[in-house]
Amino acid sequence: MRGHEAIIRQFLANGIDHMFGNPGTVEQGFLDALEDIPEMKYILTLQESIAVLCADGYARIRLKPALVQIHSSPGLGNAIGNLYQAKRGNAPLVVIGGDSGIGKKHMNYGFGFGGPTINGDNKALKHFANSINANTDLISSINTFNQSHISFIKEQYTQKNPNKEVPFVMNHITYKKGTHIVEESQQFQLCVELLNDGYSVNVIEYPEVSTNLNSLSESYNGRLKFYKPGTKPEGIIINL
């Protein structure tokens, strides 16, 4: 039995037999298993927020958990408002999402496409919750997960390279490679944590990014060095 089939059969064993979703390319392999498991009914919706609403109503009517399948980070952004409403209504939903970082290239604890979640959507939800005086632990939970993810990746690489005389190499530290956005970048946060632990980090970045971070490099006494794209600095490569 392959992994995607085992996941679906586990849902069935737990009494969940309807999946409401909006698939993307990342979930193709997972959803292919549905052809051989007709007991799991897949309800196609045109957008993730609709999938959550359908599952919300279904769960309340049947008084049992409903399964929601969403696409990666944009799917979470589309779904998160209605997920909050389902939480307020105590609807029992199980939500699964694909990650565009999963594949041959990204099986080494990577951040996927920008991160495990969209921080901007997280902040927007927090603003909305505050505007209606709602209490929710979702925001703090997501922030805690993001930080735990960074700590996990740092631990994996520092175990591989316990010698602080050997630098790490990162092929970018922006939110997404090719952009100039450093704010809320988990790659950047990982870089800073490694520097705080006494490691040196060689970063391959565009001049527009490195110029803005010169003062940061100076504050770490030159342990943060920048190299232009196309160069190959020495060190242990962090492949995210």
C-alpha atoms as a PDB file:
ATOM      1  CA  MET A   1       0.000   0.000   0.000  1.00  0.00           C
ATOM      2  CA  ARG A   2       1.388   3.374  -1.000  1.00  0.00           C
ATOM      3  CA  GLY A   3       1.452   6.380   1.287  1.00  0.00           C
ATOM      4  CA  HIS A   4      -1.367   8.384  -0.302  1.00  0.00           C
ATOM      5  CA  GLU A   5      -3.684   5.363  -0.184  1.00  0.00           C
ATOM      6  CA  ALA A   6      -2.764   4.684   3.451  1.00  0.00           C
ATOM      7  CA  ILE A   7      -3.682   8.245   4.417  1.00  0.00           C
ATOM      8  CA  ILE A   8      -7.119   8.018   2.818  1.00  0.00           C
ATOM      9  CA  ARG A   9      -7.806   4.596   4.320  1.00  0.00           C
ATOM     10  CA  GLN A  10      -6.877   5.948   7.737  1.00  0.00           C
ATOM     11  CA  PHE A  11      -9.460   8.706   7.326  1.00  0.00           C
ATOM     12  CA  LEU A  12     -12.059   6.089   6.419  1.00  0.00           C
ATOM     13  CA  ALA A  13     -11.096   4.017   9.468  1.00  0.00           C
ATOM     14  CA  ASN A  14     -11.763   7.117  11.563  1.00  0.00           C
ATOM     15  CA  GLY A  15     -15.248   7.490  10.076  1.00  0.00           C
ATOM     16  CA  ILE A  16     -14.446  10.306   7.618  1.00  0.00           C
ATOM     17  CA  ASP A  17     -15.867   9.449   4.202  1.00  0.00           C
ATOM     18  CA  HIS A  18     -16.341  12.835   2.475  1.00  0.00           C
ATOM     19  CA  MET A  19     -13.550  15.142   1.289  1.00  0.00           C
ATOM     20  CA  PHE A  20     -14.351  18.697   0.192  1.00  0.00           C
ATOM     21  CA  GLY A  21     -11.581  20.271  -1.815  1.00  0.00           C
ATOM     22  CA  ASN A  22     -10.000  22.354  -4.510  1.00  0.00           C
ATOM     23  CA  PRO A  23      -6.990  20.463  -5.903  1.00  0.00           C
ATOM     24  CA  GLY A  24      -3.757  21.846  -7.281  1.00  0.00           C
ATOM     25  CA  THR A  25      -0.845  20.232  -9.089  1.00  0.00           C
ATOM     26  CA  VAL A  26       0.891  19.340  -5.807  1.00  0.00           C
ATOM     27  CA  GLU A  27      -1.948  17.031  -4.737  1.00  0.00           C
ATOM     28  CA  GLN A  28      -2.247  15.068  -7.985  1.00  0.00           C
ATOM     29  CA  GLY A  29      -0.540  11.946  -6.672  1.00  0.00           C
ATOM     30  CA  PHE A  30      -2.528  12.015  -3.467  1.00  0.00           C
ATOM     31  CA  LEU A  31      -5.872  12.398  -5.207  1.00  0.00           C
ATOM     32  CA  ASP A  32      -5.062   9.690  -7.776  1.00  0.00           C
ATOM     33  CA  ALA A  33      -5.631   7.195  -4.956  1.00  0.00           C
ATOM     34  CA  LEU A  34      -9.329   8.131  -4.884  1.00  0.00           C
ATOM     35  CA  GLU A  35      -9.869   6.171  -8.104  1.00  0.00           C
ATOM     36  CA  ASP A  36      -9.167   2.957  -6.216  1.00  0.00           C
ATOM     37  CA  ILE A  37     -10.992   3.972  -3.032  1.00  0.00           C
ATOM     38  CA  PRO A  38     -14.611   4.756  -3.999  1.00  0.00           C
ATOM     39  CA  GLU A  39     -15.659   4.771  -0.339  1.00  0.00           C
ATOM     40  CA  MET A  40     -14.109   8.230  -0.045  1.00  0.00           C
ATOM     41  CA  LYS A  41     -16.374  10.714  -1.820  1.00  0.00           C
ATOM     42  CA  TYR A  42     -14.571  13.768  -3.202  1.00  0.00           C
ATOM     43  CA  ILE A  43     -16.677  16.946  -3.507  1.00  0.00           C
ATOM     44  CA  LEU A  44     -15.019  19.353  -5.956  1.00  0.00           C
ATOM     45  CA  THR A  45     -15.378  23.067  -5.226  1.00  0.00           C
ATOM     46  CA  LEU A  46     -14.186  26.027  -7.278  1.00  0.00           C
ATOM     47  CA  GLN A  47     -12.275  27.714  -4.462  1.00  0.00           C
ATOM     48  CA  GLU A  48     -10.870  26.794  -1.058  1.00  0.00           C
ATOM     49  CA  SER A  49     -13.170  29.070   0.915  1.00  0.00           C
ATOM     50  CA  ILE A  50     -16.171  27.268  -0.611  1.00  0.00           C
ATOM     51  CA  ALA A  51     -14.670  23.901   0.305  1.00  0.00           C
ATOM     52  CA  VAL A  52     -14.459  24.987   3.935  1.00  0.00           C
ATOM     53  CA  LEU A  53     -18.034  26.298   3.959  1.00  0.00           C
ATOM     54  CA  CYS A  54     -19.377  23.056   2.465  1.00  0.00           C
ATOM     55  CA  ALA A  55     -17.427  20.945   4.951  1.00  0.00           C
ATOM     56  CA  ASP A  56     -18.546  23.207   7.800  1.00  0.00           C
ATOM     57  CA  GLY A  57     -22.231  22.696   6.982  1.00  0.00           C
ATOM     58  CA  TYR A  58     -21.759  18.984   6.326  1.00  0.00           C
ATOM     59  CA  ALA A  59     -20.004  18.460   9.675  1.00  0.00           C
ATOM     60  CA  ARG A  60     -22.743  20.293  11.585  1.00  0.00           C
ATOM     61  CA  ILE A  61     -25.549  18.346   9.894  1.00  0.00           C
ATOM     62  CA  ARG A  62     -23.926  14.919  10.285  1.00  0.00           C
ATOM     63  CA  LEU A  63     -22.448  15.698  13.716  1.00  0.00           C
ATOM     64  CA  LYS A  64     -19.111  14.193  12.686  1.00  0.00           C
ATOM     65  CA  PRO A  65     -15.767  15.476  11.344  1.00  0.00           C
ATOM     66  CA  ALA A  66     -15.528  16.513   7.705  1.00  0.00           C
ATOM     67  CA  LEU A  67     -12.338  16.507   5.646  1.00  0.00           C
ATOM     68  CA  VAL A  68     -11.119  19.598   3.771  1.00  0.00           C
ATOM     69  CA  GLN A  69      -8.392  19.403   1.130  1.00  0.00           C
ATOM     70  CA  ILE A  70      -6.759  22.691   0.139  1.00  0.00           C
ATOM     71  CA  HIS A  71      -3.834  23.708  -2.030  1.00  0.00           C
ATOM     72  CA  SER A  72      -0.591  25.091  -0.587  1.00  0.00           C
ATOM     73  CA  SER A  73       0.008  28.593   0.808  1.00  0.00           C
ATOM     74  CA  PRO A  74      -2.492  30.490  -1.438  1.00  0.00           C
ATOM     75  CA  GLY A  75      -5.086  27.844  -0.567  1.00  0.00           C
ATOM     76  CA  LEU A  76      -4.597  28.546   3.115  1.00  0.00           C
ATOM     77  CA  GLY A  77      -4.975  32.244   2.402  1.00  0.00           C
ATOM     78  CA  ASN A  78      -8.281  31.651   0.618  1.00  0.00           C
ATOM     79  CA  ALA A  79      -9.578  29.288   3.295  1.00  0.00           C
ATOM     80  CA  ILE A  80      -8.431  30.921   6.502  1.00  0.00           C
ATOM     81  CA  GLY A  81     -11.370  33.301   6.989  1.00  0.00           C
ATOM     82  CA  ASN A  82     -13.942  30.513   6.794  1.00  0.00           C
ATOM     83  CA  LEU A  83     -11.726  28.255   8.904  1.00  0.00           C
ATOM     84  CA  TYR A  84     -12.006  30.896  11.591  1.00  0.00           C
ATOM     85  CA  GLN A  85     -15.804  30.917  11.252  1.00  0.00           C
ATOM     86  CA  ALA A  86     -15.871  27.110  11.498  1.00  0.00           C
ATOM     87  CA  LYS A  87     -13.780  27.334  14.653  1.00  0.00           C
ATOM     88  CA  ARG A  88     -16.202  29.877  16.134  1.00  0.00           C
ATOM     89  CA  GLY A  89     -19.054  27.485  15.349  1.00  0.00           C
ATOM     90  CA  ASN A  90     -17.204  24.485  16.838  1.00  0.00           C
ATOM     91  CA  ALA A  91     -17.472  22.590  13.560  1.00  0.00           C
ATOM     92  CA  PRO A  92     -15.181  19.513  13.581  1.00  0.00           C
ATOM     93  CA  LEU A  93     -13.026  19.921  10.472  1.00  0.00           C
ATOM     94  CA  VAL A  94      -9.884  18.047   9.476  1.00  0.00           C
ATOM     95  CA  VAL A  95      -7.854  20.180   7.050  1.00  0.00           C
ATOM     96  CA  ILE A  96      -5.030  18.870   4.880  1.00  0.00           C
ATOM     97  CA  GLY A  97      -2.976  20.922   2.454  1.00  0.00           C
ATOM     98  CA  GLY A  98      -0.359  20.288  -0.201  1.00  0.00           C
ATOM     99  CA  ASP A  99       2.991  22.068  -0.043  1.00  0.00           C
ATOM    100  CA  SER A 100       4.622  23.207  -3.264  1.00  0.00           C
ATOM    101  CA  GLY A 101       8.010  22.525  -1.684  1.00  0.00           C
ATOM    102  CA  ILE A 102       7.470  18.768  -1.584  1.00  0.00           C
ATOM    103  CA  GLY A 103       9.275  16.830  -4.275  1.00  0.00           C
ATOM    104  CA  LYS A 104      12.714  15.507  -5.187  1.00  0.00           C
ATOM    105  CA  LYS A 105      14.218  18.959  -4.912  1.00  0.00           C
ATOM    106  CA  HIS A 106      12.719  19.816  -1.558  1.00  0.00           C
ATOM    107  CA  MET A 107      12.812  16.732   0.657  1.00  0.00           C
ATOM    108  CA  ASN A 108      15.441  18.132   3.045  1.00  0.00           C
ATOM    109  CA  TYR A 109      13.293  20.002   5.584  1.00  0.00           C
ATOM    110  CA  GLY A 110      12.853  22.997   3.285  1.00  0.00           C
ATOM    111  CA  PHE A 111      10.539  25.948   3.669  1.00  0.00           C
ATOM    112  CA  GLY A 112       8.590  25.159   0.523  1.00  0.00           C
ATOM    113  CA  PHE A 113       7.310  28.135  -1.448  1.00  0.00           C
ATOM    114  CA  GLY A 114       8.175  30.968   0.929  1.00  0.00           C
ATOM    115  CA  GLY A 115       7.234  29.243   4.160  1.00  0.00           C
ATOM    116  CA  PRO A 116       4.923  26.820   5.932  1.00  0.00           C
ATOM    117  CA  THR A 117       2.289  29.521   5.989  1.00  0.00           C
ATOM    118  CA  ILE A 118       1.651  33.030   4.692  1.00  0.00           C
ATOM    119  CA  ASN A 119       2.500  35.517   7.403  1.00  0.00           C
ATOM    120  CA  GLY A 120       0.596  38.298   5.644  1.00  0.00           C
ATOM    121  CA  ASP A 121      -2.640  36.299   5.753  1.00  0.00           C
ATOM    122  CA  ASN A 122      -1.931  35.447   9.357  1.00  0.00           C
ATOM    123  CA  LYS A 123      -1.636  39.166  10.189  1.00  0.00           C
ATOM    124  CA  ALA A 124      -4.805  39.952   8.263  1.00  0.00           C
ATOM    125  CA  LEU A 125      -6.715  37.345  10.270  1.00  0.00           C
ATOM    126  CA  LYS A 126      -5.336  38.791  13.497  1.00  0.00           C
ATOM    127  CA  HIS A 127      -6.495  42.270  12.465  1.00  0.00           C
ATOM    128  CA  PHE A 128      -9.977  40.936  11.673  1.00  0.00           C
ATOM    129  CA  ALA A 129     -10.189  39.009  14.944  1.00  0.00           C
ATOM    130  CA  ASN A 130      -9.170  42.102  16.906  1.00  0.00           C
ATOM    131  CA  SER A 131     -11.755  44.215  15.074  1.00  0.00           C
ATOM    132  CA  ILE A 132     -14.581  42.019  16.366  1.00  0.00           C
ATOM    133  CA  ASN A 133     -13.035  41.461  19.804  1.00  0.00           C
ATOM    134  CA  ALA A 134     -12.604  37.743  19.130  1.00  0.00           C
ATOM    135  CA  ASN A 135     -10.144  35.623  21.040  1.00  0.00           C
ATOM    136  CA  THR A 136      -8.270  33.012  19.030  1.00  0.00           C
ATOM    137  CA  ASP A 137      -5.054  31.099  19.517  1.00  0.00           C
ATOM    138  CA  LEU A 138      -4.630  30.475  15.777  1.00  0.00           C
ATOM    139  CA  ILE A 139      -2.244  33.383  15.256  1.00  0.00           C
ATOM    140  CA  SER A 140       0.080  32.444  18.092  1.00  0.00           C
ATOM    141  CA  SER A 141      -0.084  28.772  17.068  1.00  0.00           C
ATOM    142  CA  ILE A 142       1.031  29.537  13.512  1.00  0.00           C
ATOM    143  CA  ASN A 143       3.830  31.791  14.733  1.00  0.00           C
ATOM    144  CA  THR A 144       4.952  29.079  17.144  1.00  0.00           C
ATOM    145  CA  PHE A 145       4.962  26.513  14.327  1.00  0.00           C
ATOM    146  CA  ASN A 146       6.996  28.784  12.061  1.00  0.00           C
ATOM    147  CA  GLN A 147       9.598  29.310  14.768  1.00  0.00           C
ATOM    148  CA  SER A 148       9.702  25.590  15.573  1.00  0.00           C
ATOM    149  CA  HIS A 149      10.226  24.847  11.892  1.00  0.00           C
ATOM    150  CA  ILE A 150      13.235  27.170  11.761  1.00  0.00           C
ATOM    151  CA  SER A 151      14.669  25.614  14.925  1.00  0.00           C
ATOM    152  CA  PHE A 152      14.193  22.131  13.468  1.00  0.00           C
ATOM    153  CA  ILE A 153      16.038  22.977  10.257  1.00  0.00           C
ATOM    154  CA  LYS A 154      18.843  24.701  12.176  1.00  0.00           C
ATOM    155  CA  GLU A 155      19.275  21.617  14.358  1.00  0.00           C
ATOM    156  CA  GLN A 156      19.495  19.332  11.313  1.00  0.00           C
ATOM    157  CA  TYR A 157      22.237  21.379   9.694  1.00  0.00           C
ATOM    158  CA  THR A 158      24.243  22.122  12.838  1.00  0.00           C
ATOM    159  CA  GLN A 159      24.332  18.392  13.542  1.00  0.00           C
ATOM    160  CA  LYS A 160      25.803  17.901  10.080  1.00  0.00           C
ATOM    161  CA  ASN A 161      28.290  20.708  10.676  1.00  0.00           C
ATOM    162  CA  PRO A 162      29.271  21.019  14.342  1.00  0.00           C
ATOM    163  CA  ASN A 163      32.517  22.806  13.372  1.00  0.00           C
ATOM    164  CA  LYS A 164      31.844  26.550  13.586  1.00  0.00           C
ATOM    165  CA  GLU A 165      35.008  27.235  11.609  1.00  0.00           C
ATOM    166  CA  VAL A 166      33.242  25.836   8.541  1.00  0.00           C
ATOM    167  CA  PRO A 167      30.705  28.338   7.129  1.00  0.00           C
ATOM    168  CA  PHE A 168      27.232  27.601   5.840  1.00  0.00           C
ATOM    169  CA  VAL A 169      26.193  28.653   2.337  1.00  0.00           C
ATOM    170  CA  MET A 170      22.675  29.874   1.530  1.00  0.00           C
ATOM    171  CA  ASN A 171      21.588  30.499  -2.057  1.00  0.00           C
ATOM    172  CA  HIS A 172      19.239  33.263  -0.935  1.00  0.00           C
ATOM    173  CA  ILE A 173      17.804  34.781   2.235  1.00  0.00           C
ATOM    174  CA  THR A 174      14.825  36.611   0.796  1.00  0.00           C
ATOM    175  CA  TYR A 175      11.215  35.494   1.197  1.00  0.00           C
ATOM    176  CA  LYS A 176      11.359  34.000  -2.284  1.00  0.00           C
ATOM    177  CA  LYS A 177      14.429  33.576  -4.434  1.00  0.00           C
ATOM    178  CA  GLY A 178      14.727  36.357  -6.996  1.00  0.00           C
ATOM    179  CA  THR A 179      12.822  38.937  -4.952  1.00  0.00           C
ATOM    180  CA  HIS A 180      14.183  41.657  -2.657  1.00  0.00           C
ATOM    181  CA  ILE A 181      11.811  40.925   0.229  1.00  0.00           C
ATOM    182  CA  VAL A 182      13.620  40.147   3.476  1.00  0.00           C
ATOM    183  CA  GLU A 183      10.788  40.961   5.878  1.00  0.00           C
ATOM    184  CA  GLU A 184       9.168  37.803   7.278  1.00  0.00           C
ATOM    185  CA  SER A 185      11.615  35.625   5.356  1.00  0.00           C
ATOM    186  CA  GLN A 186      12.272  32.402   7.227  1.00  0.00           C
ATOM    187  CA  GLN A 187      15.490  31.955   5.284  1.00  0.00           C
ATOM    188  CA  PHE A 188      16.655  35.272   6.714  1.00  0.00           C
ATOM    189  CA  GLN A 189      15.598  34.271  10.232  1.00  0.00           C
ATOM    190  CA  LEU A 190      17.506  30.991   9.887  1.00  0.00           C
ATOM    191  CA  CYS A 191      20.585  32.910   8.754  1.00  0.00           C
ATOM    192  CA  VAL A 192      20.399  35.215  11.791  1.00  0.00           C
ATOM    193  CA  GLU A 193      19.963  32.290  14.192  1.00  0.00           C
ATOM    194  CA  LEU A 194      23.047  30.579  12.762  1.00  0.00           C
ATOM    195  CA  LEU A 195      25.007  33.808  13.153  1.00  0.00           C
ATOM    196  CA  ASN A 196      23.802  34.160  16.733  1.00  0.00           C
ATOM    197  CA  ASP A 197      25.053  30.633  17.418  1.00  0.00           C
ATOM    198  CA  GLY A 198      28.550  31.619  16.295  1.00  0.00           C
ATOM    199  CA  TYR A 199      28.523  30.260  12.735  1.00  0.00           C
ATOM    200  CA  SER A 200      29.612  32.107   9.628  1.00  0.00           C
ATOM    201  CA  VAL A 201      27.189  32.290   6.693  1.00  0.00           C
ATOM    202  CA  ASN A 202      28.031  32.925   3.043  1.00  0.00           C
ATOM    203  CA  VAL A 203      24.962  34.148   1.162  1.00  0.00           C
ATOM    204  CA  ILE A 204      24.470  34.258  -2.590  1.00  0.00           C
ATOM    205  CA  GLU A 205      22.273  37.278  -3.224  1.00  0.00           C
ATOM    206  CA  TYR A 206      21.684  40.121  -5.632  1.00  0.00           C
ATOM    207  CA  PRO A 207      23.480  43.417  -4.909  1.00  0.00           C
ATOM    208  CA  GLU A 208      20.154  45.142  -4.213  1.00  0.00           C
ATOM    209  CA  VAL A 209      19.679  42.817  -1.228  1.00  0.00           C
ATOM    210  CA  SER A 210      23.245  42.639   0.046  1.00  0.00           C
ATOM    211  CA  THR A 211      23.700  46.415  -0.034  1.00  0.00           C
ATOM    212  CA  ASN A 212      20.742  46.885   2.295  1.00  0.00           C
ATOM    213  CA  LEU A 213      22.236  44.360   4.724  1.00  0.00           C
ATOM    214  CA  ASN A 214      25.779  45.719   4.935  1.00  0.00           C
ATOM    215  CA  SER A 215      25.212  47.045   8.447  1.00  0.00           C
ATOM    216  CA  LEU A 216      24.013  43.609   9.554  1.00  0.00           C
ATOM    217  CA  SER A 217      27.172  42.036   8.154  1.00  0.00           C
ATOM    218  CA  GLU A 218      29.304  44.541  10.062  1.00  0.00           C
ATOM    219  CA  SER A 219      27.449  43.818  13.305  1.00  0.00           C
ATOM    220  CA  TYR A 220      28.552  40.169  13.059  1.00  0.00           C
ATOM    221  CA  ASN A 221      32.199  41.121  12.455  1.00  0.00           C
ATOM    222  CA  GLY A 222      32.186  39.910   8.888  1.00  0.00           C
ATOM    223  CA  ARG A 223      30.821  36.416   9.605  1.00  0.00           C
ATOM    224  CA  LEU A 224      27.984  37.249   7.196  1.00  0.00           C
ATOM    225  CA  LYS A 225      29.392  37.563   3.685  1.00  0.00           C
ATOM    226  CA  PHE A 226      27.570  38.145   0.414  1.00  0.00           C
ATOM    227  CA  TYR A 227      28.417  36.748  -3.004  1.00  0.00           C
ATOM    228  CA  LYS A 228      26.944  37.543  -6.400  1.00  0.00           C
ATOM    229  CA  PRO A 229      24.735  34.970  -8.175  1.00  0.00           C
ATOM    230  CA  GLY A 230      26.839  32.596 -10.242  1.00  0.00           C
ATOM    231  CA  THR A 231      29.631  32.365  -7.689  1.00  0.00           C
ATOM    232  CA  LYS A 232      30.331  29.316  -5.522  1.00  0.00           C
ATOM    233  CA  PRO A 233      31.502  30.252  -2.027  1.00  0.00           C
ATOM    234  CA  GLU A 234      32.962  27.542   0.185  1.00  0.00           C
ATOM    235  CA  GLY A 235      30.974  25.918   2.944  1.00  0.00           C
ATOM    236  CA  ILE A 236      28.127  23.552   3.806  1.00  0.00           C
ATOM    237  CA  ILE A 237      25.232  24.242   1.439  1.00  0.00           C
ATOM    238  CA  ILE A 238      21.823  24.771   2.999  1.00  0.00           C
ATOM    239  CA  ASN A 239      19.449  23.689   0.241  1.00  0.00           C
ATOM    240  CA  LEU A 240      16.007  25.217   0.852  1.00  0.00           C
END
